[in-house]
Amino acid sequence: MRGLAALGIVVSHETVWRWAEKFGRDFAGTIRRRAPQLGDKWHLDEVVITIGGQKHWLWRAVDQDGFVLEVLVQSRRNAKAAKRLMRKLLKSQRHPPRVMITDKLRSYDAAKREIMPGVEHRYHKGLNNRAENSHQPTRERERRMRRFKSMCHAQRFLSVHAQVANHFRPGRHLLRACSYRTLMTGRFASWSEITGVRGSPAISA
């Protein structure tokens, strides 16, 4: 936005929001379809968020490399809500995990026994830092946006944000600098193709 302002083009936050509402889901869907198969170890977690003065729960699943598999905003924190998340995960990932890691919420165990009975389940607070850390960008966005306006608003935004974040966060800690630059150059080229915007920025280590 600063770059556009320097050119004399004024873009308001509402303009950006409307642009994201119109195109974001299409972009996110294309990214998801193009993404390689993600990890076979799923970390599931839930965190409370406030919408319109009411407490809701953001359920999130990430793989062992921190890539977001699914996000789901729900009004409950029970077995029914956990089942809904797991069904959504199996539909989007098309295969069950090798291992599922959660905190000690009993709803996960009840849901897993029905939805994925053959999957190994580990539950311990310290094992699930991967999923808990994944909530941090959401907290930051929530503050900047002065909280979400509704469940639908939160779900739409977080679903799109998760896919775009996956695209631009390829696990830098797992890569050498030269490999990271090469990979990110390809990611920006792919983003240009998806969005129809020409040109890719230079990538520095």
N, C-alpha and C. Protein backbone atom coordinates (compact mmCIF):
# COMPACT_ATOMS: atom_id res chain seq x y z
N MET A 1 0.82 -1.20 0.00
CA MET A 1 0.00 0.00 0.00
C MET A 1 0.86 1.25 0.00
N ARG A 2 2.01 1.22 0.68
CA ARG A 2 2.90 2.38 0.68
C ARG A 2 3.45 2.65 -0.70
N GLY A 3 3.76 1.55 -1.42
CA GLY A 3 4.27 1.71 -2.78
C GLY A 3 3.24 2.35 -3.69
N LEU A 4 1.98 1.97 -3.54
CA LEU A 4 0.92 2.57 -4.34
C LEU A 4 0.73 4.03 -3.96
N ALA A 5 0.83 4.33 -2.66
CA ALA A 5 0.67 5.71 -2.21
C ALA A 5 1.76 6.60 -2.80
N ALA A 6 2.98 6.06 -2.94
CA ALA A 6 4.08 6.82 -3.52
C ALA A 6 3.80 7.16 -4.98
N LEU A 7 2.98 6.35 -5.63
CA LEU A 7 2.61 6.60 -7.03
C LEU A 7 1.36 7.47 -7.15
N GLY A 8 0.85 7.91 -6.00
CA GLY A 8 -0.34 8.74 -6.01
C GLY A 8 -1.64 7.96 -6.08
N ILE A 9 -1.57 6.64 -5.83
CA ILE A 9 -2.76 5.79 -5.85
C ILE A 9 -3.20 5.52 -4.43
N VAL A 10 -4.40 5.92 -4.09
CA VAL A 10 -4.91 5.74 -2.73
C VAL A 10 -5.73 4.46 -2.66
N VAL A 11 -5.34 3.56 -1.77
CA VAL A 11 -6.05 2.30 -1.58
C VAL A 11 -6.42 2.19 -0.10
N SER A 12 -7.70 2.13 0.20
CA SER A 12 -8.14 2.04 1.59
C SER A 12 -8.13 0.60 2.06
N HIS A 13 -8.22 0.40 3.37
CA HIS A 13 -8.30 -0.95 3.92
C HIS A 13 -9.57 -1.65 3.44
N GLU A 14 -10.65 -0.88 3.26
CA GLU A 14 -11.90 -1.47 2.77
C GLU A 14 -11.74 -2.00 1.35
N THR A 15 -10.94 -1.29 0.52
CA THR A 15 -10.68 -1.75 -0.84
C THR A 15 -9.95 -3.09 -0.82
N VAL A 16 -8.93 -3.18 0.04
CA VAL A 16 -8.17 -4.44 0.16
C VAL A 16 -9.09 -5.56 0.65
N TRP A 17 -9.96 -5.23 1.63
CA TRP A 17 -10.89 -6.25 2.16
C TRP A 17 -11.82 -6.74 1.07
N ARG A 18 -12.37 -5.83 0.27
CA ARG A 18 -13.29 -6.23 -0.80
C ARG A 18 -12.56 -7.05 -1.86
N TRP A 19 -11.33 -6.68 -2.15
CA TRP A 19 -10.53 -7.43 -3.12
C TRP A 19 -10.31 -8.86 -2.63
N ALA A 20 -9.97 -8.98 -1.34
CA ALA A 20 -9.73 -10.31 -0.76
C ALA A 20 -11.01 -11.14 -0.74
N GLU A 21 -12.15 -10.50 -0.42
CA GLU A 21 -13.42 -11.20 -0.42
C GLU A 21 -13.78 -11.73 -1.80
N LYS A 22 -13.47 -10.94 -2.83
CA LYS A 22 -13.85 -11.31 -4.19
C LYS A 22 -12.95 -12.38 -4.78
N PHE A 23 -11.64 -12.26 -4.54
CA PHE A 23 -10.70 -13.15 -5.22
C PHE A 23 -10.01 -14.16 -4.30
N GLY A 24 -10.04 -13.91 -2.99
CA GLY A 24 -9.24 -14.72 -2.08
C GLY A 24 -9.54 -16.20 -2.12
N ARG A 25 -10.82 -16.56 -2.12
CA ARG A 25 -11.16 -17.99 -2.09
C ARG A 25 -10.73 -18.71 -3.36
N ASP A 26 -10.83 -18.02 -4.51
CA ASP A 26 -10.37 -18.64 -5.76
C ASP A 26 -8.86 -18.87 -5.72
N PHE A 27 -8.12 -17.87 -5.23
CA PHE A 27 -6.67 -18.02 -5.13
C PHE A 27 -6.32 -19.16 -4.17
N ALA A 28 -6.99 -19.20 -3.01
CA ALA A 28 -6.70 -20.23 -2.02
C ALA A 28 -7.01 -21.63 -2.57
N GLY A 29 -8.12 -21.74 -3.32
CA GLY A 29 -8.47 -23.03 -3.90
C GLY A 29 -7.44 -23.51 -4.91
N THR A 30 -6.92 -22.59 -5.71
CA THR A 30 -5.89 -22.95 -6.69
C THR A 30 -4.62 -23.39 -5.99
N ILE A 31 -4.23 -22.66 -4.94
CA ILE A 31 -3.03 -23.03 -4.18
C ILE A 31 -3.19 -24.43 -3.58
N ARG A 32 -4.37 -24.70 -3.01
CA ARG A 32 -4.60 -26.02 -2.41
C ARG A 32 -4.51 -27.13 -3.44
N ARG A 33 -5.08 -26.91 -4.62
CA ARG A 33 -5.05 -27.94 -5.66
C ARG A 33 -3.64 -28.19 -6.16
N ARG A 34 -2.81 -27.17 -6.19
CA ARG A 34 -1.45 -27.31 -6.70
C ARG A 34 -0.46 -27.83 -5.66
N ALA A 35 -0.83 -27.75 -4.40
CA ALA A 35 0.11 -28.10 -3.33
C ALA A 35 0.44 -29.59 -3.36
N PRO A 36 1.67 -29.94 -3.05
CA PRO A 36 2.03 -31.37 -2.96
C PRO A 36 1.37 -31.98 -1.73
N GLN A 37 1.40 -33.30 -1.65
CA GLN A 37 0.83 -33.97 -0.50
C GLN A 37 1.59 -33.57 0.76
N LEU A 38 0.87 -33.17 1.78
CA LEU A 38 1.50 -32.70 3.00
C LEU A 38 1.79 -33.86 3.94
N GLY A 39 2.26 -33.53 5.14
CA GLY A 39 2.77 -34.56 6.05
C GLY A 39 1.73 -35.53 6.58
N ASP A 40 2.22 -36.64 7.14
CA ASP A 40 1.34 -37.69 7.64
C ASP A 40 1.22 -37.68 9.15
N LYS A 41 1.74 -36.64 9.80
CA LYS A 41 1.59 -36.48 11.25
C LYS A 41 0.79 -35.20 11.48
N TRP A 42 -0.41 -35.36 12.02
CA TRP A 42 -1.31 -34.22 12.17
C TRP A 42 -1.34 -33.75 13.62
N HIS A 43 -1.17 -32.45 13.82
CA HIS A 43 -1.28 -31.82 15.13
C HIS A 43 -2.60 -31.05 15.16
N LEU A 44 -3.48 -31.37 16.08
CA LEU A 44 -4.78 -30.71 16.19
C LEU A 44 -4.85 -29.91 17.47
N ASP A 45 -5.44 -28.73 17.38
CA ASP A 45 -5.55 -27.89 18.57
C ASP A 45 -6.74 -26.95 18.41
N GLU A 46 -7.18 -26.38 19.52
CA GLU A 46 -8.30 -25.44 19.49
C GLU A 46 -7.97 -24.27 20.40
N VAL A 47 -8.42 -23.08 20.00
CA VAL A 47 -8.16 -21.88 20.79
C VAL A 47 -9.41 -21.02 20.77
N VAL A 48 -9.66 -20.32 21.86
CA VAL A 48 -10.85 -19.50 21.96
C VAL A 48 -10.65 -18.19 21.22
N ILE A 49 -11.68 -17.73 20.51
CA ILE A 49 -11.69 -16.42 19.89
C ILE A 49 -13.03 -15.76 20.21
N THR A 50 -13.03 -14.45 20.27
CA THR A 50 -14.25 -13.71 20.60
C THR A 50 -14.81 -13.06 19.35
N ILE A 51 -16.08 -13.34 19.07
CA ILE A 51 -16.76 -12.78 17.89
C ILE A 51 -18.07 -12.17 18.37
N GLY A 52 -18.21 -10.88 18.17
CA GLY A 52 -19.44 -10.20 18.59
C GLY A 52 -19.72 -10.34 20.07
N GLY A 53 -18.66 -10.38 20.89
CA GLY A 53 -18.83 -10.53 22.33
C GLY A 53 -19.11 -11.94 22.80
N GLN A 54 -19.17 -12.89 21.87
CA GLN A 54 -19.44 -14.29 22.21
C GLN A 54 -18.19 -15.15 22.03
N LYS A 55 -18.02 -16.12 22.89
CA LYS A 55 -16.86 -17.02 22.81
C LYS A 55 -17.08 -18.09 21.76
N HIS A 56 -16.12 -18.24 20.85
CA HIS A 56 -16.13 -19.29 19.85
C HIS A 56 -14.79 -20.01 19.91
N TRP A 57 -14.71 -21.09 19.12
CA TRP A 57 -13.48 -21.88 19.14
C TRP A 57 -12.94 -22.03 17.72
N LEU A 58 -11.65 -21.73 17.59
CA LEU A 58 -10.95 -21.93 16.33
C LEU A 58 -10.19 -23.25 16.41
N TRP A 59 -10.63 -24.23 15.63
CA TRP A 59 -9.98 -25.53 15.56
C TRP A 59 -9.00 -25.52 14.39
N ARG A 60 -7.80 -26.02 14.61
CA ARG A 60 -6.77 -25.95 13.59
C ARG A 60 -5.99 -27.27 13.54
N ALA A 61 -5.62 -27.66 12.32
CA ALA A 61 -4.78 -28.85 12.14
C ALA A 61 -3.58 -28.47 11.28
N VAL A 62 -2.39 -28.85 11.72
CA VAL A 62 -1.17 -28.61 10.94
C VAL A 62 -0.39 -29.92 10.85
N ASP A 63 0.51 -30.00 9.89
CA ASP A 63 1.34 -31.21 9.80
C ASP A 63 2.64 -30.99 10.56
N GLN A 64 3.56 -31.97 10.48
CA GLN A 64 4.78 -31.92 11.28
C GLN A 64 5.73 -30.80 10.86
N ASP A 65 5.52 -30.23 9.67
CA ASP A 65 6.36 -29.13 9.20
C ASP A 65 5.70 -27.77 9.41
N GLY A 66 4.54 -27.76 10.05
CA GLY A 66 3.87 -26.50 10.35
C GLY A 66 2.93 -26.01 9.28
N PHE A 67 2.72 -26.77 8.21
CA PHE A 67 1.78 -26.36 7.17
C PHE A 67 0.35 -26.56 7.66
N VAL A 68 -0.48 -25.56 7.45
CA VAL A 68 -1.86 -25.62 7.92
C VAL A 68 -2.66 -26.54 7.00
N LEU A 69 -3.28 -27.55 7.58
CA LEU A 69 -4.10 -28.49 6.83
C LEU A 69 -5.55 -28.03 6.76
N GLU A 70 -6.05 -27.51 7.86
CA GLU A 70 -7.45 -27.09 7.90
C GLU A 70 -7.67 -26.16 9.09
N VAL A 71 -8.60 -25.22 8.92
CA VAL A 71 -9.07 -24.39 10.04
C VAL A 71 -10.60 -24.43 10.03
N LEU A 72 -11.18 -24.40 11.23
CA LEU A 72 -12.63 -24.49 11.33
C LEU A 72 -13.10 -23.72 12.56
N VAL A 73 -13.93 -22.71 12.33
CA VAL A 73 -14.48 -21.91 13.42
C VAL A 73 -15.81 -22.52 13.86
N GLN A 74 -15.93 -22.83 15.15
CA GLN A 74 -17.15 -23.44 15.67
C GLN A 74 -17.55 -22.81 16.99
N SER A 75 -18.79 -22.99 17.35
CA SER A 75 -19.30 -22.39 18.58
C SER A 75 -19.15 -23.32 19.78
N ARG A 76 -18.71 -24.55 19.54
CA ARG A 76 -18.61 -25.53 20.62
C ARG A 76 -17.21 -26.14 20.69
N ARG A 77 -16.90 -26.67 21.85
CA ARG A 77 -15.63 -27.37 22.08
C ARG A 77 -15.97 -28.73 22.67
N ASN A 78 -16.50 -29.60 21.80
CA ASN A 78 -16.95 -30.91 22.28
C ASN A 78 -16.65 -31.97 21.22
N ALA A 79 -17.12 -33.21 21.45
CA ALA A 79 -16.82 -34.30 20.54
C ALA A 79 -17.44 -34.07 19.16
N LYS A 80 -18.64 -33.50 19.13
CA LYS A 80 -19.28 -33.22 17.84
C LYS A 80 -18.44 -32.26 17.00
N ALA A 81 -17.89 -31.24 17.64
CA ALA A 81 -17.05 -30.28 16.93
C ALA A 81 -15.75 -30.94 16.46
N ALA A 82 -15.17 -31.80 17.30
CA ALA A 82 -13.95 -32.51 16.91
C ALA A 82 -14.20 -33.45 15.73
N LYS A 83 -15.36 -34.12 15.72
CA LYS A 83 -15.72 -35.00 14.60
C LYS A 83 -15.84 -34.20 13.30
N ARG A 84 -16.44 -33.03 13.40
CA ARG A 84 -16.61 -32.21 12.20
C ARG A 84 -15.25 -31.81 11.62
N LEU A 85 -14.31 -31.46 12.50
CA LEU A 85 -12.96 -31.12 12.03
C LEU A 85 -12.30 -32.32 11.36
N MET A 86 -12.40 -33.49 11.96
CA MET A 86 -11.74 -34.66 11.40
C MET A 86 -12.36 -35.07 10.07
N ARG A 87 -13.67 -34.98 9.94
CA ARG A 87 -14.31 -35.29 8.66
C ARG A 87 -13.85 -34.31 7.57
N LYS A 88 -13.74 -33.05 7.93
CA LYS A 88 -13.29 -32.04 6.99
C LYS A 88 -11.84 -32.29 6.58
N LEU A 89 -11.03 -32.72 7.53
CA LEU A 89 -9.64 -33.04 7.24
C LEU A 89 -9.53 -34.22 6.27
N LEU A 90 -10.26 -35.28 6.54
CA LEU A 90 -10.20 -36.46 5.67
C LEU A 90 -10.70 -36.13 4.26
N LYS A 91 -11.68 -35.26 4.15
CA LYS A 91 -12.19 -34.87 2.84
C LYS A 91 -11.16 -34.06 2.07
N SER A 92 -10.47 -33.14 2.75
CA SER A 92 -9.51 -32.27 2.06
C SER A 92 -8.19 -32.98 1.79
N GLN A 93 -7.73 -33.83 2.72
CA GLN A 93 -6.43 -34.48 2.57
C GLN A 93 -6.52 -35.82 1.84
N ARG A 94 -7.70 -36.42 1.84
CA ARG A 94 -7.97 -37.66 1.09
C ARG A 94 -7.24 -38.88 1.62
N HIS A 95 -6.67 -38.76 2.79
CA HIS A 95 -6.03 -39.94 3.41
C HIS A 95 -5.90 -39.66 4.90
N PRO A 96 -5.97 -40.70 5.73
CA PRO A 96 -5.80 -40.49 7.18
C PRO A 96 -4.33 -40.28 7.52
N PRO A 97 -4.04 -39.72 8.68
CA PRO A 97 -2.63 -39.54 9.07
C PRO A 97 -2.04 -40.83 9.60
N ARG A 98 -0.73 -40.85 9.71
CA ARG A 98 -0.06 -41.96 10.37
C ARG A 98 -0.18 -41.80 11.88
N VAL A 99 -0.05 -40.56 12.35
CA VAL A 99 -0.13 -40.25 13.77
C VAL A 99 -0.94 -38.97 13.93
N MET A 100 -1.75 -38.93 14.96
CA MET A 100 -2.48 -37.71 15.31
C MET A 100 -2.07 -37.29 16.71
N ILE A 101 -1.70 -36.01 16.88
CA ILE A 101 -1.24 -35.49 18.16
C ILE A 101 -2.18 -34.38 18.60
N THR A 102 -2.67 -34.47 19.84
CA THR A 102 -3.58 -33.46 20.38
C THR A 102 -3.20 -33.17 21.82
N ASP A 103 -3.89 -32.19 22.41
CA ASP A 103 -3.78 -32.00 23.85
C ASP A 103 -4.67 -33.04 24.53
N LYS A 104 -4.92 -32.87 25.82
CA LYS A 104 -5.64 -33.90 26.57
C LYS A 104 -7.16 -33.71 26.57
N LEU A 105 -7.68 -32.87 25.68
CA LEU A 105 -9.13 -32.73 25.57
C LEU A 105 -9.75 -34.06 25.18
N ARG A 106 -10.67 -34.58 25.97
CA ARG A 106 -11.24 -35.91 25.74
C ARG A 106 -12.06 -35.98 24.46
N SER A 107 -12.53 -34.85 23.98
CA SER A 107 -13.34 -34.85 22.76
C SER A 107 -12.57 -35.41 21.57
N TYR A 108 -11.26 -35.19 21.54
CA TYR A 108 -10.46 -35.71 20.43
C TYR A 108 -10.47 -37.23 20.42
N ASP A 109 -10.30 -37.82 21.58
CA ASP A 109 -10.24 -39.28 21.65
C ASP A 109 -11.58 -39.89 21.26
N ALA A 110 -12.68 -39.28 21.72
CA ALA A 110 -14.01 -39.79 21.37
C ALA A 110 -14.26 -39.68 19.88
N ALA A 111 -13.86 -38.57 19.27
CA ALA A 111 -14.05 -38.37 17.84
C ALA A 111 -13.17 -39.31 17.03
N LYS A 112 -11.92 -39.49 17.46
CA LYS A 112 -10.99 -40.35 16.72
C LYS A 112 -11.45 -41.80 16.70
N ARG A 113 -11.97 -42.26 17.80
CA ARG A 113 -12.43 -43.65 17.86
C ARG A 113 -13.52 -43.91 16.82
N GLU A 114 -14.32 -42.91 16.51
CA GLU A 114 -15.39 -43.09 15.54
C GLU A 114 -14.94 -42.80 14.12
N ILE A 115 -14.15 -41.75 13.92
CA ILE A 115 -13.80 -41.28 12.57
C ILE A 115 -12.55 -41.97 12.03
N MET A 116 -11.51 -42.12 12.89
CA MET A 116 -10.25 -42.71 12.44
C MET A 116 -9.75 -43.72 13.48
N PRO A 117 -10.44 -44.83 13.63
CA PRO A 117 -10.11 -45.76 14.72
C PRO A 117 -8.73 -46.40 14.62
N GLY A 118 -8.19 -46.52 13.41
CA GLY A 118 -6.90 -47.20 13.26
C GLY A 118 -5.69 -46.29 13.37
N VAL A 119 -5.90 -45.00 13.61
CA VAL A 119 -4.79 -44.05 13.64
C VAL A 119 -4.20 -43.95 15.05
N GLU A 120 -2.88 -43.95 15.12
CA GLU A 120 -2.21 -43.80 16.42
C GLU A 120 -2.49 -42.40 16.97
N HIS A 121 -2.83 -42.33 18.24
CA HIS A 121 -3.19 -41.06 18.87
C HIS A 121 -2.26 -40.80 20.06
N ARG A 122 -1.55 -39.70 19.99
CA ARG A 122 -0.70 -39.28 21.10
C ARG A 122 -1.27 -37.99 21.65
N TYR A 123 -1.43 -37.91 22.95
CA TYR A 123 -1.95 -36.68 23.53
C TYR A 123 -1.15 -36.30 24.76
N HIS A 124 -0.56 -35.13 24.64
CA HIS A 124 0.27 -34.58 25.71
C HIS A 124 0.47 -33.11 25.41
N LYS A 125 0.40 -32.28 26.41
CA LYS A 125 0.50 -30.83 26.22
C LYS A 125 1.79 -30.44 25.51
N GLY A 126 2.91 -31.02 25.93
CA GLY A 126 4.20 -30.64 25.37
C GLY A 126 4.42 -31.09 23.94
N LEU A 127 3.68 -32.12 23.49
CA LEU A 127 3.86 -32.64 22.14
C LEU A 127 3.18 -31.78 21.09
N ASN A 128 2.29 -30.90 21.52
CA ASN A 128 1.43 -30.20 20.56
C ASN A 128 1.83 -28.74 20.35
N ASN A 129 3.09 -28.39 20.60
CA ASN A 129 3.53 -27.01 20.42
C ASN A 129 3.40 -26.57 18.98
N ARG A 130 3.54 -27.48 18.04
CA ARG A 130 3.47 -27.14 16.61
C ARG A 130 2.12 -26.50 16.28
N ALA A 131 1.04 -27.10 16.75
CA ALA A 131 -0.29 -26.55 16.48
C ALA A 131 -0.53 -25.27 17.27
N GLU A 132 -0.07 -25.25 18.52
CA GLU A 132 -0.28 -24.06 19.35
C GLU A 132 0.45 -22.85 18.78
N ASN A 133 1.66 -23.05 18.28
CA ASN A 133 2.41 -21.95 17.67
C ASN A 133 1.74 -21.46 16.39
N SER A 134 1.03 -22.35 15.71
CA SER A 134 0.35 -21.99 14.47
C SER A 134 -0.77 -20.98 14.69
N HIS A 135 -1.25 -20.86 15.93
CA HIS A 135 -2.31 -19.89 16.23
C HIS A 135 -1.79 -18.46 16.28
N GLN A 136 -0.48 -18.27 16.44
CA GLN A 136 0.06 -16.93 16.67
C GLN A 136 -0.23 -15.96 15.52
N PRO A 137 -0.04 -16.34 14.24
CA PRO A 137 -0.39 -15.40 13.16
C PRO A 137 -1.87 -15.00 13.17
N THR A 138 -2.74 -15.93 13.59
CA THR A 138 -4.16 -15.60 13.67
C THR A 138 -4.41 -14.53 14.72
N ARG A 139 -3.76 -14.64 15.86
CA ARG A 139 -3.90 -13.65 16.91
C ARG A 139 -3.46 -12.27 16.41
N GLU A 140 -2.36 -12.25 15.66
CA GLU A 140 -1.86 -10.99 15.13
C GLU A 140 -2.86 -10.38 14.16
N ARG A 141 -3.40 -11.19 13.25
CA ARG A 141 -4.39 -10.69 12.28
C ARG A 141 -5.67 -10.24 12.98
N GLU A 142 -6.05 -10.98 14.03
CA GLU A 142 -7.25 -10.64 14.77
C GLU A 142 -7.12 -9.25 15.39
N ARG A 143 -5.95 -8.94 15.94
CA ARG A 143 -5.72 -7.62 16.54
C ARG A 143 -5.75 -6.53 15.49
N ARG A 144 -5.09 -6.78 14.35
CA ARG A 144 -5.04 -5.77 13.30
C ARG A 144 -6.43 -5.48 12.73
N MET A 145 -7.26 -6.51 12.65
CA MET A 145 -8.60 -6.35 12.08
C MET A 145 -9.63 -5.94 13.12
N ARG A 146 -9.17 -5.72 14.38
CA ARG A 146 -10.06 -5.35 15.48
C ARG A 146 -11.16 -6.39 15.66
N ARG A 147 -10.76 -7.61 15.70
CA ARG A 147 -11.62 -8.78 15.90
C ARG A 147 -12.46 -9.08 14.65
N PHE A 148 -12.89 -10.33 14.59
CA PHE A 148 -13.71 -10.77 13.46
C PHE A 148 -15.16 -10.35 13.68
N LYS A 149 -15.87 -10.11 12.57
CA LYS A 149 -17.23 -9.59 12.65
C LYS A 149 -18.28 -10.69 12.85
N SER A 150 -18.01 -11.90 12.36
CA SER A 150 -18.95 -13.01 12.47
C SER A 150 -18.19 -14.32 12.27
N MET A 151 -18.87 -15.44 12.54
CA MET A 151 -18.24 -16.73 12.31
C MET A 151 -17.90 -16.93 10.84
N CYS A 152 -18.83 -16.53 9.97
CA CYS A 152 -18.59 -16.68 8.52
C CYS A 152 -17.41 -15.83 8.08
N HIS A 153 -17.32 -14.62 8.61
CA HIS A 153 -16.19 -13.74 8.27
C HIS A 153 -14.88 -14.37 8.71
N ALA A 154 -14.84 -14.87 9.95
CA ALA A 154 -13.63 -15.49 10.46
C ALA A 154 -13.25 -16.72 9.64
N GLN A 155 -14.23 -17.58 9.32
CA GLN A 155 -13.95 -18.78 8.55
C GLN A 155 -13.41 -18.46 7.17
N ARG A 156 -14.05 -17.51 6.48
CA ARG A 156 -13.59 -17.14 5.13
C ARG A 156 -12.17 -16.60 5.16
N PHE A 157 -11.93 -15.67 6.07
CA PHE A 157 -10.61 -15.05 6.12
C PHE A 157 -9.53 -16.06 6.50
N LEU A 158 -9.76 -16.84 7.54
CA LEU A 158 -8.73 -17.76 8.03
C LEU A 158 -8.45 -18.89 7.05
N SER A 159 -9.46 -19.35 6.33
CA SER A 159 -9.25 -20.40 5.33
C SER A 159 -8.34 -19.90 4.20
N VAL A 160 -8.60 -18.67 3.75
CA VAL A 160 -7.77 -18.09 2.69
C VAL A 160 -6.37 -17.80 3.21
N HIS A 161 -6.30 -17.18 4.38
CA HIS A 161 -5.01 -16.81 4.96
C HIS A 161 -4.11 -18.04 5.16
N ALA A 162 -4.71 -19.15 5.58
CA ALA A 162 -3.92 -20.37 5.82
C ALA A 162 -3.27 -20.87 4.54
N GLN A 163 -4.00 -20.87 3.42
CA GLN A 163 -3.44 -21.37 2.17
C GLN A 163 -2.37 -20.45 1.62
N VAL A 164 -2.59 -19.14 1.70
CA VAL A 164 -1.59 -18.19 1.22
C VAL A 164 -0.33 -18.27 2.09
N ALA A 165 -0.52 -18.40 3.41
CA ALA A 165 0.63 -18.54 4.31
C ALA A 165 1.41 -19.81 4.00
N ASN A 166 0.72 -20.91 3.73
CA ASN A 166 1.41 -22.15 3.34
C ASN A 166 2.28 -21.92 2.11
N HIS A 167 1.73 -21.18 1.15
CA HIS A 167 2.43 -20.97 -0.12
C HIS A 167 3.74 -20.21 0.08
N PHE A 168 3.73 -19.24 1.00
CA PHE A 168 4.89 -18.38 1.17
C PHE A 168 5.73 -18.73 2.40
N ARG A 169 5.42 -19.83 3.07
CA ARG A 169 6.22 -20.28 4.21
C ARG A 169 6.62 -21.73 3.99
N PRO A 170 7.62 -21.97 3.17
CA PRO A 170 7.97 -23.35 2.82
C PRO A 170 8.86 -24.05 3.82
N GLY A 171 8.90 -23.61 5.07
CA GLY A 171 9.75 -24.25 6.06
C GLY A 171 11.20 -23.88 5.88
N ARG A 172 11.50 -22.57 6.03
CA ARG A 172 12.84 -22.07 5.76
C ARG A 172 13.89 -22.78 6.62
N HIS A 173 13.52 -23.13 7.84
CA HIS A 173 14.48 -23.78 8.74
C HIS A 173 14.92 -25.15 8.22
N LEU A 174 14.18 -25.70 7.26
CA LEU A 174 14.51 -27.01 6.72
C LEU A 174 15.39 -26.93 5.47
N LEU A 175 15.67 -25.71 4.99
CA LEU A 175 16.32 -25.54 3.69
C LEU A 175 17.62 -24.77 3.81
N ARG A 176 18.54 -25.06 2.91
CA ARG A 176 19.74 -24.23 2.77
C ARG A 176 19.35 -22.94 2.07
N ALA A 177 20.18 -21.90 2.23
CA ALA A 177 19.84 -20.57 1.70
C ALA A 177 19.61 -20.61 0.20
N CYS A 178 20.48 -21.30 -0.54
CA CYS A 178 20.35 -21.33 -2.00
C CYS A 178 19.07 -22.08 -2.41
N SER A 179 18.75 -23.14 -1.67
CA SER A 179 17.52 -23.89 -1.97
C SER A 179 16.29 -23.05 -1.66
N TYR A 180 16.38 -22.28 -0.56
CA TYR A 180 15.26 -21.42 -0.18
C TYR A 180 15.01 -20.36 -1.26
N ARG A 181 16.07 -19.72 -1.77
CA ARG A 181 15.91 -18.70 -2.80
C ARG A 181 15.29 -19.29 -4.06
N THR A 182 15.76 -20.46 -4.46
CA THR A 182 15.23 -21.10 -5.66
C THR A 182 13.75 -21.45 -5.49
N LEU A 183 13.43 -22.00 -4.31
CA LEU A 183 12.05 -22.40 -4.05
C LEU A 183 11.12 -21.18 -4.02
N MET A 184 11.56 -20.11 -3.35
CA MET A 184 10.71 -18.93 -3.24
C MET A 184 10.55 -18.21 -4.57
N THR A 185 11.57 -18.24 -5.41
CA THR A 185 11.42 -17.66 -6.75
C THR A 185 10.32 -18.39 -7.50
N GLY A 186 10.29 -19.72 -7.37
CA GLY A 186 9.23 -20.50 -8.00
C GLY A 186 7.87 -20.21 -7.39
N ARG A 187 7.84 -20.00 -6.07
CA ARG A 187 6.57 -19.71 -5.41
C ARG A 187 6.00 -18.36 -5.88
N PHE A 188 6.86 -17.35 -6.00
CA PHE A 188 6.39 -16.05 -6.47
C PHE A 188 5.96 -16.11 -7.93
N ALA A 189 6.66 -16.90 -8.73
CA ALA A 189 6.25 -17.06 -10.12
C ALA A 189 4.88 -17.74 -10.20
N SER A 190 4.68 -18.74 -9.34
CA SER A 190 3.39 -19.43 -9.30
C SER A 190 2.29 -18.47 -8.83
N TRP A 191 2.60 -17.64 -7.83
CA TRP A 191 1.64 -16.66 -7.34
C TRP A 191 1.26 -15.67 -8.45
N SER A 192 2.24 -15.24 -9.24
CA SER A 192 1.96 -14.33 -10.35
C SER A 192 1.02 -14.97 -11.36
N GLU A 193 1.23 -16.26 -11.60
CA GLU A 193 0.38 -16.99 -12.52
C GLU A 193 -1.04 -17.13 -11.97
N ILE A 194 -1.15 -17.42 -10.68
CA ILE A 194 -2.46 -17.60 -10.05
C ILE A 194 -3.25 -16.30 -10.05
N THR A 195 -2.57 -15.19 -9.71
CA THR A 195 -3.26 -13.91 -9.56
C THR A 195 -3.34 -13.10 -10.84
N GLY A 196 -2.54 -13.49 -11.85
CA GLY A 196 -2.52 -12.73 -13.10
C GLY A 196 -1.70 -11.47 -13.01
N VAL A 197 -0.81 -11.38 -12.00
CA VAL A 197 0.06 -10.21 -11.83
C VAL A 197 1.45 -10.57 -12.30
N ARG A 198 2.01 -9.79 -13.19
CA ARG A 198 3.32 -10.09 -13.74
C ARG A 198 4.43 -9.61 -12.81
N GLY A 199 5.55 -10.34 -12.92
CA GLY A 199 6.74 -9.90 -12.19
C GLY A 199 6.86 -10.60 -10.86
N SER A 200 8.10 -10.88 -10.44
CA SER A 200 8.39 -11.53 -9.16
C SER A 200 9.49 -10.75 -8.49
N PRO A 201 9.38 -10.48 -7.18
CA PRO A 201 10.43 -9.77 -6.46
C PRO A 201 11.66 -10.62 -6.29
N ALA A 202 12.80 -9.96 -6.08
CA ALA A 202 14.04 -10.69 -5.81
C ALA A 202 13.97 -11.29 -4.42
N ILE A 203 14.55 -12.47 -4.24
CA ILE A 203 14.53 -13.16 -2.96
C ILE A 203 15.91 -13.12 -2.35
N SER A 204 16.00 -12.64 -1.13
CA SER A 204 17.28 -12.59 -0.45
C SER A 204 17.32 -13.67 0.63
N ALA A 205 18.50 -14.12 0.97
CA ALA A 205 18.64 -15.16 1.98
C ALA A 205 18.41 -14.59 3.35
